[in-house]
Amino acid sequence: MNNTIFQAELTYQVTMSYAQKLLSKQVITADAYRDFLQKMQEMYYPLLSQYMDETLDK
């Protein structure tokens, strides 16, 4: 993993952590969260997070 990929992954993780907190505090709706999640996945293409999400959902 090179530094650029690592930075993208880290930025994605931190950003989504804040988004999840906003969702849990009902500052944003579930629909807004899903839209934001999709945009962030398109922007950062988080390889590790994508696999972690699939693994943790089982």
PDB file of N, CA and C in Angstrom:
ATOM      1  N   MET A   1       0.867  -1.174   0.000  1.00  0.00           N
ATOM      2  CA  MET A   1       0.000   0.000   0.000  1.00  0.00           C
ATOM      3  C   MET A   1       0.908   1.229   0.000  1.00  0.00           C
ATOM      4  N   ASN A   2       0.684   2.096  -0.967  1.00  0.00           N
ATOM      5  CA  ASN A   2       1.504   3.306  -0.995  1.00  0.00           C
ATOM      6  C   ASN A   2       0.855   4.417  -0.163  1.00  0.00           C
ATOM      7  N   ASN A   3       1.572   5.503  -0.005  1.00  0.00           N
ATOM      8  CA  ASN A   3       1.121   6.590   0.865  1.00  0.00           C
ATOM      9  C   ASN A   3      -0.184   7.232   0.376  1.00  0.00           C
ATOM     10  N   THR A   4      -0.362   7.353  -0.908  1.00  0.00           N
ATOM     11  CA  THR A   4      -1.579   7.960  -1.451  1.00  0.00           C
ATOM     12  C   THR A   4      -2.810   7.117  -1.112  1.00  0.00           C
ATOM     13  N   ILE A   5      -2.686   5.813  -1.283  1.00  0.00           N
ATOM     14  CA  ILE A   5      -3.800   4.920  -0.962  1.00  0.00           C
ATOM     15  C   ILE A   5      -4.077   4.944   0.538  1.00  0.00           C
ATOM     16  N   PHE A   6      -3.017   4.939   1.328  1.00  0.00           N
ATOM     17  CA  PHE A   6      -3.179   4.990   2.781  1.00  0.00           C
ATOM     18  C   PHE A   6      -3.881   6.276   3.207  1.00  0.00           C
ATOM     19  N   GLN A   7      -3.483   7.403   2.646  1.00  0.00           N
ATOM     20  CA  GLN A   7      -4.107   8.692   2.984  1.00  0.00           C
ATOM     21  C   GLN A   7      -5.583   8.703   2.606  1.00  0.00           C
ATOM     22  N   ALA A   8      -5.918   8.160   1.448  1.00  0.00           N
ATOM     23  CA  ALA A   8      -7.318   8.102   1.014  1.00  0.00           C
ATOM     24  C   ALA A   8      -8.123   7.234   1.975  1.00  0.00           C
ATOM     25  N   GLU A   9      -7.556   6.098   2.364  1.00  0.00           N
ATOM     26  CA  GLU A   9      -8.238   5.194   3.289  1.00  0.00           C
ATOM     27  C   GLU A   9      -8.458   5.870   4.643  1.00  0.00           C
ATOM     28  N   LEU A  10      -7.439   6.521   5.136  1.00  0.00           N
ATOM     29  CA  LEU A  10      -7.525   7.199   6.430  1.00  0.00           C
ATOM     30  C   LEU A  10      -8.551   8.337   6.393  1.00  0.00           C
ATOM     31  N   THR A  11      -8.516   9.121   5.348  1.00  0.00           N
ATOM     32  CA  THR A  11      -9.467  10.220   5.208  1.00  0.00           C
ATOM     33  C   THR A  11     -10.896   9.693   5.154  1.00  0.00           C
ATOM     34  N   TYR A  12     -11.101   8.629   4.409  1.00  0.00           N
ATOM     35  CA  TYR A  12     -12.420   8.004   4.319  1.00  0.00           C
ATOM     36  C   TYR A  12     -12.884   7.542   5.694  1.00  0.00           C
ATOM     37  N   GLN A  13     -12.024   6.833   6.419  1.00  0.00           N
ATOM     38  CA  GLN A  13     -12.385   6.302   7.737  1.00  0.00           C
ATOM     39  C   GLN A  13     -12.766   7.418   8.706  1.00  0.00           C
ATOM     40  N   VAL A  14     -11.974   8.467   8.748  1.00  0.00           N
ATOM     41  CA  VAL A  14     -12.256   9.585   9.661  1.00  0.00           C
ATOM     42  C   VAL A  14     -13.549  10.284   9.265  1.00  0.00           C
ATOM     43  N   THR A  15     -13.714  10.534   7.986  1.00  0.00           N
ATOM     44  CA  THR A  15     -14.919  11.211   7.493  1.00  0.00           C
ATOM     45  C   THR A  15     -16.175  10.410   7.820  1.00  0.00           C
ATOM     46  N   MET A  16     -16.125   9.108   7.568  1.00  0.00           N
ATOM     47  CA  MET A  16     -17.296   8.276   7.824  1.00  0.00           C
ATOM     48  C   MET A  16     -17.555   8.107   9.320  1.00  0.00           C
ATOM     49  N   SER A  17     -16.526   8.181  10.125  1.00  0.00           N
ATOM     50  CA  SER A  17     -16.711   8.126  11.572  1.00  0.00           C
ATOM     51  C   SER A  17     -17.534   9.326  12.040  1.00  0.00           C
ATOM     52  N   TYR A  18     -17.205  10.497  11.518  1.00  0.00           N
ATOM     53  CA  TYR A  18     -17.988  11.697  11.861  1.00  0.00           C
ATOM     54  C   TYR A  18     -19.417  11.596  11.333  1.00  0.00           C
ATOM     55  N   ALA A  19     -19.556  11.077  10.123  1.00  0.00           N
ATOM     56  CA  ALA A  19     -20.898  10.931   9.544  1.00  0.00           C
ATOM     57  C   ALA A  19     -21.744   9.967  10.376  1.00  0.00           C
ATOM     58  N   GLN A  20     -21.143   8.888  10.855  1.00  0.00           N
ATOM     59  CA  GLN A  20     -21.878   7.936  11.691  1.00  0.00           C
ATOM     60  C   GLN A  20     -22.305   8.578  13.009  1.00  0.00           C
ATOM     61  N   LYS A  21     -21.455   9.435  13.564  1.00  0.00           N
ATOM     62  CA  LYS A  21     -21.824  10.141  14.795  1.00  0.00           C
ATOM     63  C   LYS A  21     -22.992  11.086  14.545  1.00  0.00           C
ATOM     64  N   LEU A  22     -22.967  11.777  13.405  1.00  0.00           N
ATOM     65  CA  LEU A  22     -24.073  12.670  13.065  1.00  0.00           C
ATOM     66  C   LEU A  22     -25.369  11.880  12.893  1.00  0.00           C
ATOM     67  N   LEU A  23     -25.258  10.716  12.281  1.00  0.00           N
ATOM     68  CA  LEU A  23     -26.437   9.861  12.103  1.00  0.00           C
ATOM     69  C   LEU A  23     -26.963   9.384  13.456  1.00  0.00           C
ATOM     70  N   SER A  24     -26.081   8.956  14.324  1.00  0.00           N
ATOM     71  CA  SER A  24     -26.528   8.446  15.625  1.00  0.00           C
ATOM     72  C   SER A  24     -27.156   9.538  16.492  1.00  0.00           C
ATOM     73  N   LYS A  25     -26.750  10.784  16.269  1.00  0.00           N
ATOM     74  CA  LYS A  25     -27.336  11.913  17.010  1.00  0.00           C
ATOM     75  C   LYS A  25     -28.538  12.504  16.275  1.00  0.00           C
ATOM     76  N   GLN A  26     -28.916  11.868  15.182  1.00  0.00           N
ATOM     77  CA  GLN A  26     -30.052  12.271  14.350  1.00  0.00           C
ATOM     78  C   GLN A  26     -29.907  13.686  13.789  1.00  0.00           C
ATOM     79  N   VAL A  27     -28.670  14.080  13.553  1.00  0.00           N
ATOM     80  CA  VAL A  27     -28.408  15.365  12.898  1.00  0.00           C
ATOM     81  C   VAL A  27     -28.647  15.219  11.396  1.00  0.00           C
ATOM     82  N   ILE A  28     -28.361  14.028  10.877  1.00  0.00           N
ATOM     83  CA  ILE A  28     -28.642  13.718   9.473  1.00  0.00           C
ATOM     84  C   ILE A  28     -29.547  12.482   9.422  1.00  0.00           C
ATOM     85  N   THR A  29     -30.251  12.345   8.324  1.00  0.00           N
ATOM     86  CA  THR A  29     -31.153  11.200   8.154  1.00  0.00           C
ATOM     87  C   THR A  29     -30.383   9.996   7.605  1.00  0.00           C
ATOM     88  N   ALA A  30     -30.991   8.845   7.688  1.00  0.00           N
ATOM     89  CA  ALA A  30     -30.384   7.626   7.139  1.00  0.00           C
ATOM     90  C   ALA A  30     -30.199   7.751   5.626  1.00  0.00           C
ATOM     91  N   ASP A  31     -31.155   8.392   4.961  1.00  0.00           N
ATOM     92  CA  ASP A  31     -31.036   8.600   3.515  1.00  0.00           C
ATOM     93  C   ASP A  31     -29.851   9.503   3.188  1.00  0.00           C
ATOM     94  N   ALA A  32     -29.692  10.563   3.949  1.00  0.00           N
ATOM     95  CA  ALA A  32     -28.569  11.473   3.737  1.00  0.00           C
ATOM     96  C   ALA A  32     -27.245  10.757   3.994  1.00  0.00           C
ATOM     97  N   TYR A  33     -27.234   9.917   5.013  1.00  0.00           N
ATOM     98  CA  TYR A  33     -26.026   9.151   5.321  1.00  0.00           C
ATOM     99  C   TYR A  33     -25.677   8.210   4.174  1.00  0.00           C
ATOM    100  N   ARG A  34     -26.661   7.495   3.637  1.00  0.00           N
ATOM    101  CA  ARG A  34     -26.410   6.576   2.526  1.00  0.00           C
ATOM    102  C   ARG A  34     -25.915   7.319   1.291  1.00  0.00           C
ATOM    103  N   ASP A  35     -26.510   8.470   1.002  1.00  0.00           N
ATOM    104  CA  ASP A  35     -26.051   9.277  -0.135  1.00  0.00           C
ATOM    105  C   ASP A  35     -24.608   9.721   0.068  1.00  0.00           C
ATOM    106  N   PHE A  36     -24.307  10.180   1.278  1.00  0.00           N
ATOM    107  CA  PHE A  36     -22.954  10.637   1.597  1.00  0.00           C
ATOM    108  C   PHE A  36     -21.967   9.471   1.517  1.00  0.00           C
ATOM    109  N   LEU A  37     -22.357   8.317   2.033  1.00  0.00           N
ATOM    110  CA  LEU A  37     -21.511   7.135   1.984  1.00  0.00           C
ATOM    111  C   LEU A  37     -21.155   6.789   0.545  1.00  0.00           C
ATOM    112  N   GLN A  38     -22.146   6.794  -0.320  1.00  0.00           N
ATOM    113  CA  GLN A  38     -21.912   6.480  -1.724  1.00  0.00           C
ATOM    114  C   GLN A  38     -20.942   7.477  -2.351  1.00  0.00           C
ATOM    115  N   LYS A  39     -21.126   8.761  -2.074  1.00  0.00           N
ATOM    116  CA  LYS A  39     -20.235   9.783  -2.632  1.00  0.00           C
ATOM    117  C   LYS A  39     -18.810   9.613  -2.117  1.00  0.00           C
ATOM    118  N   MET A  40     -18.669   9.296  -0.850  1.00  0.00           N
ATOM    119  CA  MET A  40     -17.334   9.114  -0.280  1.00  0.00           C
ATOM    120  C   MET A  40     -16.654   7.863  -0.836  1.00  0.00           C
ATOM    121  N   GLN A  41     -17.426   6.816  -1.076  1.00  0.00           N
ATOM    122  CA  GLN A  41     -16.861   5.613  -1.675  1.00  0.00           C
ATOM    123  C   GLN A  41     -16.386   5.883  -3.099  1.00  0.00           C
ATOM    124  N   GLU A  42     -17.138   6.680  -3.827  1.00  0.00           N
ATOM    125  CA  GLU A  42     -16.740   7.041  -5.187  1.00  0.00           C
ATOM    126  C   GLU A  42     -15.512   7.943  -5.183  1.00  0.00           C
ATOM    127  N   MET A  43     -15.432   8.828  -4.196  1.00  0.00           N
ATOM    128  CA  MET A  43     -14.333   9.781  -4.125  1.00  0.00           C
ATOM    129  C   MET A  43     -13.023   9.132  -3.672  1.00  0.00           C
ATOM    130  N   TYR A  44     -13.090   8.293  -2.645  1.00  0.00           N
ATOM    131  CA  TYR A  44     -11.878   7.747  -2.045  1.00  0.00           C
ATOM    132  C   TYR A  44     -11.584   6.302  -2.413  1.00  0.00           C
ATOM    133  N   TYR A  45     -12.556   5.570  -2.936  1.00  0.00           N
ATOM    134  CA  TYR A  45     -12.421   4.170  -3.280  1.00  0.00           C
ATOM    135  C   TYR A  45     -11.654   3.409  -2.193  1.00  0.00           C
ATOM    136  N   PRO A  46     -12.262   3.288  -1.023  1.00  0.00           N
ATOM    137  CA  PRO A  46     -11.580   2.694   0.132  1.00  0.00           C
ATOM    138  C   PRO A  46     -11.505   1.163   0.045  1.00  0.00           C
ATOM    139  N   LEU A  47     -10.369   0.667  -0.361  1.00  0.00           N
ATOM    140  CA  LEU A  47     -10.211  -0.775  -0.554  1.00  0.00           C
ATOM    141  C   LEU A  47     -10.345  -1.554   0.746  1.00  0.00           C
ATOM    142  N   LEU A  48      -9.615  -1.188   1.763  1.00  0.00           N
ATOM    143  CA  LEU A  48      -9.649  -1.936   3.020  1.00  0.00           C
ATOM    144  C   LEU A  48     -11.003  -1.822   3.696  1.00  0.00           C
ATOM    145  N   SER A  49     -11.562  -0.650   3.710  1.00  0.00           N
ATOM    146  CA  SER A  49     -12.864  -0.447   4.356  1.00  0.00           C
ATOM    147  C   SER A  49     -13.947  -1.260   3.675  1.00  0.00           C
ATOM    148  N   GLN A  50     -13.857  -1.356   2.377  1.00  0.00           N
ATOM    149  CA  GLN A  50     -14.848  -2.126   1.629  1.00  0.00           C
ATOM    150  C   GLN A  50     -14.808  -3.589   2.064  1.00  0.00           C
ATOM    151  N   TYR A  51     -13.635  -4.147   2.203  1.00  0.00           N
ATOM    152  CA  TYR A  51     -13.516  -5.541   2.627  1.00  0.00           C
ATOM    153  C   TYR A  51     -13.882  -5.716   4.089  1.00  0.00           C
ATOM    154  N   MET A  52     -13.529  -4.751   4.914  1.00  0.00           N
ATOM    155  CA  MET A  52     -13.877  -4.827   6.329  1.00  0.00           C
ATOM    156  C   MET A  52     -15.384  -4.808   6.503  1.00  0.00           C
ATOM    157  N   ASP A  53     -16.083  -3.938   5.778  1.00  0.00           N
ATOM    158  CA  ASP A  53     -17.535  -3.859   5.861  1.00  0.00           C
ATOM    159  C   ASP A  53     -18.181  -5.179   5.473  1.00  0.00           C
ATOM    160  N   GLU A  54     -17.685  -5.801   4.422  1.00  0.00           N
ATOM    161  CA  GLU A  54     -18.234  -7.084   3.964  1.00  0.00           C
ATOM    162  C   GLU A  54     -17.999  -8.162   5.017  1.00  0.00           C
ATOM    163  N   THR A  55     -16.828  -8.158   5.614  1.00  0.00           N
ATOM    164  CA  THR A  55     -16.480  -9.171   6.616  1.00  0.00           C
ATOM    165  C   THR A  55     -17.266  -8.968   7.893  1.00  0.00           C
ATOM    166  N   LEU A  56     -17.414  -7.741   8.332  1.00  0.00           N
ATOM    167  CA  LEU A  56     -18.090  -7.450   9.587  1.00  0.00           C
ATOM    168  C   LEU A  56     -19.599  -7.632   9.496  1.00  0.00           C
ATOM    169  N   ASP A  57     -20.154  -7.554   8.300  1.00  0.00           N
ATOM    170  CA  ASP A  57     -21.602  -7.724   8.138  1.00  0.00           C
ATOM    171  C   ASP A  57     -22.033  -9.168   8.333  1.00  0.00           C
ATOM    172  N   LYS A  58     -21.118 -10.110   8.280  1.00  0.00           N
ATOM    173  CA  LYS A  58     -21.475 -11.530   8.387  1.00  0.00           C
ATOM    174  C   LYS A  58     -21.540 -11.989   9.801  1.00  0.00           C
TER     175      LYS A  58
END
